[in-house]
Amino acid sequence: MTNTMLDFLIVSIALLAIGIYGVSVKRNAIRMLFAIEMIVNAANLNLVAFGRFLPTSHGQTFALFSIAIAAAEVAVGLALIIVAYRMYKNVDIAEFRSLKG
């Protein structure tokens, strides 16, 4: 069975929709971080799909750089969540109002 570009795009759109839903509705910081990762994975899937179907595109290379940047983002995000949990004993975003400058 051969996969077409449309198959990859449908999965990517589903990942993007789930990620946007998670960022907009969820109030838990860890769930929001997971939702952001789903959005990044949707973008990576598009990069790899275009790299596969377009011979002049270097989508796989860009996807590898994006994965490295996403790993750094997760490390910083989890560090911030741990600090916020130590301060507030909760990871609810509504409780972080006093962090504003």
PDB file of N, CA and C in Angstrom:
ATOM      1  N   MET A   1       0.845  -1.173   0.000  1.00  0.00           N
ATOM      2  CA  MET A   1       0.000   0.000   0.000  1.00  0.00           C
ATOM      3  C   MET A   1       0.894   1.241   0.000  1.00  0.00           C
ATOM      4  N   THR A   2       0.636   2.117  -0.918  1.00  0.00           N
ATOM      5  CA  THR A   2       1.438   3.336  -1.008  1.00  0.00           C
ATOM      6  C   THR A   2       0.727   4.478  -0.300  1.00  0.00           C
ATOM      7  N   ASN A   3       1.522   5.272   0.358  1.00  0.00           N
ATOM      8  CA  ASN A   3       0.992   6.447   1.043  1.00  0.00           C
ATOM      9  C   ASN A   3       1.109   7.647   0.116  1.00  0.00           C
ATOM     10  N   THR A   4       0.101   8.457   0.125  1.00  0.00           N
ATOM     11  CA  THR A   4       0.137   9.674  -0.671  1.00  0.00           C
ATOM     12  C   THR A   4       0.374  10.863   0.252  1.00  0.00           C
ATOM     13  N   MET A   5       0.612  11.996  -0.357  1.00  0.00           N
ATOM     14  CA  MET A   5       0.822  13.217   0.413  1.00  0.00           C
ATOM     15  C   MET A   5      -0.410  13.550   1.241  1.00  0.00           C
ATOM     16  N   LEU A   6      -1.575  13.243   0.724  1.00  0.00           N
ATOM     17  CA  LEU A   6      -2.818  13.535   1.428  1.00  0.00           C
ATOM     18  C   LEU A   6      -2.916  12.763   2.735  1.00  0.00           C
ATOM     19  N   ASP A   7      -2.444  11.523   2.768  1.00  0.00           N
ATOM     20  CA  ASP A   7      -2.473  10.732   3.999  1.00  0.00           C
ATOM     21  C   ASP A   7      -1.656  11.406   5.097  1.00  0.00           C
ATOM     22  N   PHE A   8      -0.467  11.867   4.743  1.00  0.00           N
ATOM     23  CA  PHE A   8       0.388  12.538   5.725  1.00  0.00           C
ATOM     24  C   PHE A   8      -0.233  13.849   6.183  1.00  0.00           C
ATOM     25  N   LEU A   9      -0.825  14.569   5.261  1.00  0.00           N
ATOM     26  CA  LEU A   9      -1.424  15.852   5.620  1.00  0.00           C
ATOM     27  C   LEU A   9      -2.644  15.691   6.522  1.00  0.00           C
ATOM     28  N   ILE A  10      -3.416  14.644   6.311  1.00  0.00           N
ATOM     29  CA  ILE A  10      -4.583  14.399   7.166  1.00  0.00           C
ATOM     30  C   ILE A  10      -4.135  14.102   8.594  1.00  0.00           C
ATOM     31  N   VAL A  11      -3.112  13.263   8.750  1.00  0.00           N
ATOM     32  CA  VAL A  11      -2.601  12.965  10.088  1.00  0.00           C
ATOM     33  C   VAL A  11      -2.023  14.224  10.726  1.00  0.00           C
ATOM     34  N   SER A  12      -1.326  15.027   9.935  1.00  0.00           N
ATOM     35  CA  SER A  12      -0.740  16.259  10.442  1.00  0.00           C
ATOM     36  C   SER A  12      -1.808  17.257  10.881  1.00  0.00           C
ATOM     37  N   ILE A  13      -2.872  17.363  10.109  1.00  0.00           N
ATOM     38  CA  ILE A  13      -3.976  18.260  10.480  1.00  0.00           C
ATOM     39  C   ILE A  13      -4.641  17.775  11.766  1.00  0.00           C
ATOM     40  N   ALA A  14      -4.793  16.463  11.911  1.00  0.00           N
ATOM     41  CA  ALA A  14      -5.382  15.924  13.144  1.00  0.00           C
ATOM     42  C   ALA A  14      -4.493  16.236  14.348  1.00  0.00           C
ATOM     43  N   LEU A  15      -3.177  16.045  14.206  1.00  0.00           N
ATOM     44  CA  LEU A  15      -2.252  16.374  15.296  1.00  0.00           C
ATOM     45  C   LEU A  15      -2.302  17.860  15.635  1.00  0.00           C
ATOM     46  N   LEU A  16      -2.351  18.698  14.610  1.00  0.00           N
ATOM     47  CA  LEU A  16      -2.412  20.137  14.830  1.00  0.00           C
ATOM     48  C   LEU A  16      -3.700  20.527  15.552  1.00  0.00           C
ATOM     49  N   ALA A  17      -4.816  19.946  15.150  1.00  0.00           N
ATOM     50  CA  ALA A  17      -6.098  20.265  15.786  1.00  0.00           C
ATOM     51  C   ALA A  17      -6.111  19.831  17.248  1.00  0.00           C
ATOM     52  N   ILE A  18      -5.603  18.641  17.529  1.00  0.00           N
ATOM     53  CA  ILE A  18      -5.545  18.170  18.910  1.00  0.00           C
ATOM     54  C   ILE A  18      -4.621  19.053  19.732  1.00  0.00           C
ATOM     55  N   GLY A  19      -3.501  19.458  19.151  1.00  0.00           N
ATOM     56  CA  GLY A  19      -2.569  20.331  19.861  1.00  0.00           C
ATOM     57  C   GLY A  19      -3.153  21.700  20.155  1.00  0.00           C
ATOM     58  N   ILE A  20      -3.826  22.281  19.191  1.00  0.00           N
ATOM     59  CA  ILE A  20      -4.448  23.593  19.406  1.00  0.00           C
ATOM     60  C   ILE A  20      -5.557  23.490  20.446  1.00  0.00           C
ATOM     61  N   TYR A  21      -6.315  22.419  20.403  1.00  0.00           N
ATOM     62  CA  TYR A  21      -7.345  22.206  21.424  1.00  0.00           C
ATOM     63  C   TYR A  21      -6.715  22.102  22.815  1.00  0.00           C
ATOM     64  N   GLY A  22      -5.623  21.360  22.905  1.00  0.00           N
ATOM     65  CA  GLY A  22      -4.963  21.193  24.194  1.00  0.00           C
ATOM     66  C   GLY A  22      -4.401  22.489  24.738  1.00  0.00           C
ATOM     67  N   VAL A  23      -3.848  23.321  23.884  1.00  0.00           N
ATOM     68  CA  VAL A  23      -3.286  24.595  24.342  1.00  0.00           C
ATOM     69  C   VAL A  23      -4.397  25.552  24.751  1.00  0.00           C
ATOM     70  N   SER A  24      -5.497  25.551  24.024  1.00  0.00           N
ATOM     71  CA  SER A  24      -6.541  26.539  24.299  1.00  0.00           C
ATOM     72  C   SER A  24      -7.474  26.152  25.442  1.00  0.00           C
ATOM     73  N   VAL A  25      -7.661  24.872  25.707  1.00  0.00           N
ATOM     74  CA  VAL A  25      -8.650  24.450  26.693  1.00  0.00           C
ATOM     75  C   VAL A  25      -8.013  23.999  28.005  1.00  0.00           C
ATOM     76  N   LYS A  26      -6.925  23.284  27.948  1.00  0.00           N
ATOM     77  CA  LYS A  26      -6.341  22.713  29.158  1.00  0.00           C
ATOM     78  C   LYS A  26      -5.679  23.789  30.005  1.00  0.00           C
ATOM     79  N   ARG A  27      -5.762  23.627  31.325  1.00  0.00           N
ATOM     80  CA  ARG A  27      -5.175  24.596  32.236  1.00  0.00           C
ATOM     81  C   ARG A  27      -3.967  24.023  32.965  1.00  0.00           C
ATOM     82  N   ASN A  28      -3.709  22.758  32.797  1.00  0.00           N
ATOM     83  CA  ASN A  28      -2.569  22.114  33.425  1.00  0.00           C
ATOM     84  C   ASN A  28      -1.333  22.390  32.578  1.00  0.00           C
ATOM     85  N   ALA A  29      -0.248  22.822  33.210  1.00  0.00           N
ATOM     86  CA  ALA A  29       0.951  23.219  32.471  1.00  0.00           C
ATOM     87  C   ALA A  29       1.588  22.041  31.748  1.00  0.00           C
ATOM     88  N   ILE A  30       1.559  20.869  32.331  1.00  0.00           N
ATOM     89  CA  ILE A  30       2.164  19.704  31.690  1.00  0.00           C
ATOM     90  C   ILE A  30       1.352  19.288  30.473  1.00  0.00           C
ATOM     91  N   ARG A  31       0.041  19.335  30.580  1.00  0.00           N
ATOM     92  CA  ARG A  31      -0.797  19.010  29.417  1.00  0.00           C
ATOM     93  C   ARG A  31      -0.609  20.031  28.298  1.00  0.00           C
ATOM     94  N   MET A  32      -0.421  21.287  28.670  1.00  0.00           N
ATOM     95  CA  MET A  32      -0.166  22.304  27.652  1.00  0.00           C
ATOM     96  C   MET A  32       1.172  22.063  26.966  1.00  0.00           C
ATOM     97  N   LEU A  33       2.175  21.625  27.727  1.00  0.00           N
ATOM     98  CA  LEU A  33       3.474  21.312  27.139  1.00  0.00           C
ATOM     99  C   LEU A  33       3.354  20.144  26.166  1.00  0.00           C
ATOM    100  N   PHE A  34       2.572  19.126  26.530  1.00  0.00           N
ATOM    101  CA  PHE A  34       2.334  18.008  25.615  1.00  0.00           C
ATOM    102  C   PHE A  34       1.611  18.467  24.355  1.00  0.00           C
ATOM    103  N   ALA A  35       0.675  19.382  24.507  1.00  0.00           N
ATOM    104  CA  ALA A  35      -0.066  19.882  23.350  1.00  0.00           C
ATOM    105  C   ALA A  35       0.859  20.658  22.413  1.00  0.00           C
ATOM    106  N   ILE A  36       1.765  21.432  22.975  1.00  0.00           N
ATOM    107  CA  ILE A  36       2.733  22.153  22.142  1.00  0.00           C
ATOM    108  C   ILE A  36       3.621  21.162  21.400  1.00  0.00           C
ATOM    109  N   GLU A  37       3.989  20.084  22.063  1.00  0.00           N
ATOM    110  CA  GLU A  37       4.796  19.052  21.398  1.00  0.00           C
ATOM    111  C   GLU A  37       4.027  18.399  20.250  1.00  0.00           C
ATOM    112  N   MET A  38       2.729  18.245  20.396  1.00  0.00           N
ATOM    113  CA  MET A  38       1.936  17.681  19.307  1.00  0.00           C
ATOM    114  C   MET A  38       1.919  18.626  18.102  1.00  0.00           C
ATOM    115  N   ILE A  39       1.868  19.926  18.368  1.00  0.00           N
ATOM    116  CA  ILE A  39       1.907  20.901  17.278  1.00  0.00           C
ATOM    117  C   ILE A  39       3.254  20.839  16.567  1.00  0.00           C
ATOM    118  N   VAL A  40       4.329  20.728  17.330  1.00  0.00           N
ATOM    119  CA  VAL A  40       5.664  20.624  16.729  1.00  0.00           C
ATOM    120  C   VAL A  40       5.783  19.332  15.921  1.00  0.00           C
ATOM    121  N   ASN A  41       5.210  18.237  16.436  1.00  0.00           N
ATOM    122  CA  ASN A  41       5.251  16.974  15.696  1.00  0.00           C
ATOM    123  C   ASN A  41       4.437  17.044  14.411  1.00  0.00           C
ATOM    124  N   ALA A  42       3.352  17.796  14.412  1.00  0.00           N
ATOM    125  CA  ALA A  42       2.586  17.981  13.176  1.00  0.00           C
ATOM    126  C   ALA A  42       3.429  18.716  12.140  1.00  0.00           C
ATOM    127  N   ALA A  43       4.168  19.730  12.579  1.00  0.00           N
ATOM    128  CA  ALA A  43       5.049  20.455  11.658  1.00  0.00           C
ATOM    129  C   ALA A  43       6.162  19.541  11.154  1.00  0.00           C
ATOM    130  N   ASN A  44       6.725  18.724  12.035  1.00  0.00           N
ATOM    131  CA  ASN A  44       7.782  17.795  11.612  1.00  0.00           C
ATOM    132  C   ASN A  44       7.267  16.770  10.611  1.00  0.00           C
ATOM    133  N   LEU A  45       6.055  16.298  10.825  1.00  0.00           N
ATOM    134  CA  LEU A  45       5.471  15.352   9.879  1.00  0.00           C
ATOM    135  C   LEU A  45       5.307  15.988   8.502  1.00  0.00           C
ATOM    136  N   ASN A  46       4.894  17.257   8.479  1.00  0.00           N
ATOM    137  CA  ASN A  46       4.793  17.958   7.200  1.00  0.00           C
ATOM    138  C   ASN A  46       6.159  18.104   6.543  1.00  0.00           C
ATOM    139  N   LEU A  47       7.169  18.443   7.315  1.00  0.00           N
ATOM    140  CA  LEU A  47       8.512  18.588   6.748  1.00  0.00           C
ATOM    141  C   LEU A  47       9.002  17.282   6.138  1.00  0.00           C
ATOM    142  N   VAL A  48       8.803  16.187   6.842  1.00  0.00           N
ATOM    143  CA  VAL A  48       9.261  14.894   6.334  1.00  0.00           C
ATOM    144  C   VAL A  48       8.446  14.471   5.119  1.00  0.00           C
ATOM    145  N   ALA A  49       7.150  14.721   5.134  1.00  0.00           N
ATOM    146  CA  ALA A  49       6.304  14.351   3.995  1.00  0.00           C
ATOM    147  C   ALA A  49       6.703  15.138   2.746  1.00  0.00           C
ATOM    148  N   PHE A  50       6.911  16.447   2.898  1.00  0.00           N
ATOM    149  CA  PHE A  50       7.331  17.234   1.745  1.00  0.00           C
ATOM    150  C   PHE A  50       8.731  16.835   1.290  1.00  0.00           C
ATOM    151  N   GLY A  51       9.583  16.456   2.223  1.00  0.00           N
ATOM    152  CA  GLY A  51      10.909  15.982   1.850  1.00  0.00           C
ATOM    153  C   GLY A  51      10.863  14.671   1.077  1.00  0.00           C
ATOM    154  N   ARG A  52       9.863  13.854   1.376  1.00  0.00           N
ATOM    155  CA  ARG A  52       9.742  12.581   0.671  1.00  0.00           C
ATOM    156  C   ARG A  52       9.172  12.764  -0.737  1.00  0.00           C
ATOM    157  N   PHE A  53       8.194  13.634  -0.880  1.00  0.00           N
ATOM    158  CA  PHE A  53       7.498  13.745  -2.157  1.00  0.00           C
ATOM    159  C   PHE A  53       8.072  14.826  -3.066  1.00  0.00           C
ATOM    160  N   LEU A  54       8.866  15.733  -2.539  1.00  0.00           N
ATOM    161  CA  LEU A  54       9.512  16.743  -3.371  1.00  0.00           C
ATOM    162  C   LEU A  54      11.012  16.488  -3.360  1.00  0.00           C
ATOM    163  N   PRO A  55      11.595  16.156  -4.483  1.00  0.00           N
ATOM    164  CA  PRO A  55      13.006  15.746  -4.485  1.00  0.00           C
ATOM    165  C   PRO A  55      13.982  16.873  -4.141  1.00  0.00           C
ATOM    166  N   THR A  56      13.603  18.127  -4.309  1.00  0.00           N
ATOM    167  CA  THR A  56      14.535  19.211  -4.027  1.00  0.00           C
ATOM    168  C   THR A  56      14.424  19.709  -2.590  1.00  0.00           C
ATOM    169  N   SER A  57      13.464  19.206  -1.830  1.00  0.00           N
ATOM    170  CA  SER A  57      13.253  19.666  -0.464  1.00  0.00           C
ATOM    171  C   SER A  57      14.145  18.887   0.504  1.00  0.00           C
ATOM    172  N   HIS A  58      14.629  19.565   1.516  1.00  0.00           N
ATOM    173  CA  HIS A  58      15.453  18.945   2.553  1.00  0.00           C
ATOM    174  C   HIS A  58      14.656  18.881   3.855  1.00  0.00           C
ATOM    175  N   GLY A  59      13.473  18.309   3.763  1.00  0.00           N
ATOM    176  CA  GLY A  59      12.568  18.275   4.901  1.00  0.00           C
ATOM    177  C   GLY A  59      13.089  17.464   6.064  1.00  0.00           C
ATOM    178  N   GLN A  60      13.780  16.346   5.788  1.00  0.00           N
ATOM    179  CA  GLN A  60      14.289  15.518   6.863  1.00  0.00           C
ATOM    180  C   GLN A  60      15.343  16.259   7.680  1.00  0.00           C
ATOM    181  N   THR A  61      16.168  17.038   7.017  1.00  0.00           N
ATOM    182  CA  THR A  61      17.198  17.812   7.715  1.00  0.00           C
ATOM    183  C   THR A  61      16.560  18.858   8.614  1.00  0.00           C
ATOM    184  N   PHE A  62      15.583  19.572   8.086  1.00  0.00           N
ATOM    185  CA  PHE A  62      14.887  20.570   8.894  1.00  0.00           C
ATOM    186  C   PHE A  62      14.144  19.920  10.053  1.00  0.00           C
ATOM    187  N   ALA A  63      13.577  18.734   9.832  1.00  0.00           N
ATOM    188  CA  ALA A  63      12.865  18.030  10.895  1.00  0.00           C
ATOM    189  C   ALA A  63      13.819  17.633  12.018  1.00  0.00           C
ATOM    190  N   LEU A  64      15.033  17.213  11.684  1.00  0.00           N
ATOM    191  CA  LEU A  64      16.011  16.868  12.717  1.00  0.00           C
ATOM    192  C   LEU A  64      16.380  18.086  13.547  1.00  0.00           C
ATOM    193  N   PHE A  65      16.578  19.231  12.914  1.00  0.00           N
ATOM    194  CA  PHE A  65      16.861  20.456  13.662  1.00  0.00           C
ATOM    195  C   PHE A  65      15.664  20.834  14.535  1.00  0.00           C
ATOM    196  N   SER A  66      14.476  20.663  14.012  1.00  0.00           N
ATOM    197  CA  SER A  66      13.274  20.985  14.776  1.00  0.00           C
ATOM    198  C   SER A  66      13.120  20.069  15.988  1.00  0.00           C
ATOM    199  N   ILE A  67      13.459  18.799  15.826  1.00  0.00           N
ATOM    200  CA  ILE A  67      13.387  17.864  16.950  1.00  0.00           C
ATOM    201  C   ILE A  67      14.394  18.247  18.028  1.00  0.00           C
ATOM    202  N   ALA A  68      15.587  18.676  17.626  1.00  0.00           N
ATOM    203  CA  ALA A  68      16.593  19.105  18.601  1.00  0.00           C
ATOM    204  C   ALA A  68      16.128  20.347  19.358  1.00  0.00           C
ATOM    205  N   ILE A  69      15.533  21.280  18.648  1.00  0.00           N
ATOM    206  CA  ILE A  69      15.035  22.492  19.295  1.00  0.00           C
ATOM    207  C   ILE A  69      13.857  22.151  20.221  1.00  0.00           C
ATOM    208  N   ALA A  70      13.006  21.224  19.811  1.00  0.00           N
ATOM    209  CA  ALA A  70      11.877  20.820  20.649  1.00  0.00           C
ATOM    210  C   ALA A  70      12.360  20.139  21.925  1.00  0.00           C
ATOM    211  N   ALA A  71      13.451  19.374  21.844  1.00  0.00           N
ATOM    212  CA  ALA A  71      13.999  18.743  23.045  1.00  0.00           C
ATOM    213  C   ALA A  71      14.496  19.797  24.027  1.00  0.00           C
ATOM    214  N   ALA A  72      15.139  20.826  23.518  1.00  0.00           N
ATOM    215  CA  ALA A  72      15.592  21.914  24.392  1.00  0.00           C
ATOM    216  C   ALA A  72      14.398  22.658  24.986  1.00  0.00           C
ATOM    217  N   GLU A  73      13.361  22.831  24.188  1.00  0.00           N
ATOM    218  CA  GLU A  73      12.152  23.507  24.674  1.00  0.00           C
ATOM    219  C   GLU A  73      11.503  22.716  25.798  1.00  0.00           C
ATOM    220  N   VAL A  74      11.446  21.404  25.669  1.00  0.00           N
ATOM    221  CA  VAL A  74      10.864  20.567  26.712  1.00  0.00           C
ATOM    222  C   VAL A  74      11.685  20.653  27.986  1.00  0.00           C
ATOM    223  N   ALA A  75      12.991  20.662  27.867  1.00  0.00           N
ATOM    224  CA  ALA A  75      13.846  20.753  29.057  1.00  0.00           C
ATOM    225  C   ALA A  75      13.607  22.064  29.799  1.00  0.00           C
ATOM    226  N   VAL A  76      13.541  23.161  29.078  1.00  0.00           N
ATOM    227  CA  VAL A  76      13.294  24.459  29.711  1.00  0.00           C
ATOM    228  C   VAL A  76      11.878  24.525  30.271  1.00  0.00           C
ATOM    229  N   GLY A  77      10.909  24.028  29.524  1.00  0.00           N
ATOM    230  CA  GLY A  77       9.520  24.045  29.982  1.00  0.00           C
ATOM    231  C   GLY A  77       9.319  23.220  31.244  1.00  0.00           C
ATOM    232  N   LEU A  78       9.903  22.027  31.278  1.00  0.00           N
ATOM    233  CA  LEU A  78       9.769  21.208  32.482  1.00  0.00           C
ATOM    234  C   LEU A  78      10.480  21.841  33.673  1.00  0.00           C
ATOM    235  N   ALA A  79      11.610  22.499  33.434  1.00  0.00           N
ATOM    236  CA  ALA A  79      12.297  23.195  34.528  1.00  0.00           C
ATOM    237  C   ALA A  79      11.417  24.312  35.092  1.00  0.00           C
ATOM    238  N   LEU A  80      10.765  25.056  34.209  1.00  0.00           N
ATOM    239  CA  LEU A  80       9.863  26.113  34.671  1.00  0.00           C
ATOM    240  C   LEU A  80       8.668  25.542  35.436  1.00  0.00           C
ATOM    241  N   ILE A  81       8.145  24.436  34.968  1.00  0.00           N
ATOM    242  CA  ILE A  81       7.008  23.807  35.645  1.00  0.00           C
ATOM    243  C   ILE A  81       7.420  23.302  37.021  1.00  0.00           C
ATOM    244  N   ILE A  82       8.618  22.732  37.136  1.00  0.00           N
ATOM    245  CA  ILE A  82       9.095  22.254  38.434  1.00  0.00           C
ATOM    246  C   ILE A  82       9.259  23.411  39.410  1.00  0.00           C
ATOM    247  N   VAL A  83       9.819  24.524  38.945  1.00  0.00           N
ATOM    248  CA  VAL A  83       9.974  25.699  39.812  1.00  0.00           C
ATOM    249  C   VAL A  83       8.605  26.235  40.234  1.00  0.00           C
ATOM    250  N   ALA A  84       7.676  26.303  39.304  1.00  0.00           N
ATOM    251  CA  ALA A  84       6.334  26.787  39.636  1.00  0.00           C
ATOM    252  C   ALA A  84       5.643  25.833  40.602  1.00  0.00           C
ATOM    253  N   TYR A  85       5.852  24.536  40.441  1.00  0.00           N
ATOM    254  CA  TYR A  85       5.242  23.574  41.368  1.00  0.00           C
ATOM    255  C   TYR A  85       5.822  23.735  42.770  1.00  0.00           C
ATOM    256  N   ARG A  86       7.118  23.988  42.859  1.00  0.00           N
ATOM    257  CA  ARG A  86       7.729  24.196  44.175  1.00  0.00           C
ATOM    258  C   ARG A  86       7.202  25.451  44.851  1.00  0.00           C
ATOM    259  N   MET A  87       6.889  26.463  44.049  1.00  0.00           N
ATOM    260  CA  MET A  87       6.371  27.703  44.635  1.00  0.00           C
ATOM    261  C   MET A  87       4.909  27.592  45.034  1.00  0.00           C
ATOM    262  N   TYR A  88       4.084  26.986  44.169  1.00  0.00           N
ATOM    263  CA  TYR A  88       2.632  27.002  44.358  1.00  0.00           C
ATOM    264  C   TYR A  88       2.023  25.658  44.740  1.00  0.00           C
ATOM    265  N   LYS A  89       2.797  24.575  44.686  1.00  0.00           N
ATOM    266  CA  LYS A  89       2.304  23.211  44.954  1.00  0.00           C
ATOM    267  C   LYS A  89       1.149  22.835  44.030  1.00  0.00           C
ATOM    268  N   ASN A  90       1.162  23.403  42.823  1.00  0.00           N
ATOM    269  CA  ASN A  90       0.113  23.162  41.844  1.00  0.00           C
ATOM    270  C   ASN A  90       0.676  23.520  40.472  1.00  0.00           C
ATOM    271  N   VAL A  91       0.169  22.878  39.422  1.00  0.00           N
ATOM    272  CA  VAL A  91       0.611  23.213  38.070  1.00  0.00           C
ATOM    273  C   VAL A  91      -0.524  23.803  37.247  1.00  0.00           C
ATOM    274  N   ASP A  92      -1.520  24.355  37.936  1.00  0.00           N
ATOM    275  CA  ASP A  92      -2.627  25.013  37.254  1.00  0.00           C
ATOM    276  C   ASP A  92      -2.172  26.394  36.786  1.00  0.00           C
ATOM    277  N   ILE A  93      -2.402  26.704  35.527  1.00  0.00           N
ATOM    278  CA  ILE A  93      -1.939  27.954  34.935  1.00  0.00           C
ATOM    279  C   ILE A  93      -2.593  29.164  35.589  1.00  0.00           C
ATOM    280  N   ALA A  94      -3.816  29.036  36.045  1.00  0.00           N
ATOM    281  CA  ALA A  94      -4.519  30.171  36.661  1.00  0.00           C
ATOM    282  C   ALA A  94      -3.854  30.608  37.958  1.00  0.00           C
ATOM    283  N   GLU A  95      -3.131  29.722  38.602  1.00  0.00           N
ATOM    284  CA  GLU A  95      -2.464  30.045  39.867  1.00  0.00           C
ATOM    285  C   GLU A  95      -1.165  30.827  39.664  1.00  0.00           C
ATOM    286  N   PHE A  96      -0.709  30.952  38.448  1.00  0.00           N
ATOM    287  CA  PHE A  96       0.586  31.592  38.186  1.00  0.00           C
ATOM    288  C   PHE A  96       0.442  33.078  37.910  1.00  0.00           C
ATOM    289  N   ARG A  97      -0.601  33.702  38.355  1.00  0.00           N
ATOM    290  CA  ARG A  97      -0.836  35.131  38.085  1.00  0.00           C
ATOM    291  C   ARG A  97       0.234  36.016  38.699  1.00  0.00           C
ATOM    292  N   SER A  98       0.810  35.632  39.828  1.00  0.00           N
ATOM    293  CA  SER A  98       1.793  36.489  40.487  1.00  0.00           C
ATOM    294  C   SER A  98       3.147  36.458  39.787  1.00  0.00           C
ATOM    295  N   LEU A  99       3.320  35.628  38.772  1.00  0.00           N
ATOM    296  CA  LEU A  99       4.576  35.593  38.040  1.00  0.00           C
ATOM    297  C   LEU A  99       4.671  36.718  37.012  1.00  0.00           C
ATOM    298  N   LYS A 100       3.583  37.442  36.786  1.00  0.00           N
ATOM    299  CA  LYS A 100       3.617  38.541  35.818  1.00  0.00           C
ATOM    300  C   LYS A 100       4.501  39.655  36.333  1.00  0.00           C
ATOM    301  N   GLY A 101       5.170  40.344  35.399  1.00  0.00           N
ATOM    302  CA  GLY A 101       6.126  41.391  35.765  1.00  0.00           C
ATOM    303  C   GLY A 101       5.555  42.698  36.081  1.00  0.00           C
TER     304      GLY A 101
END
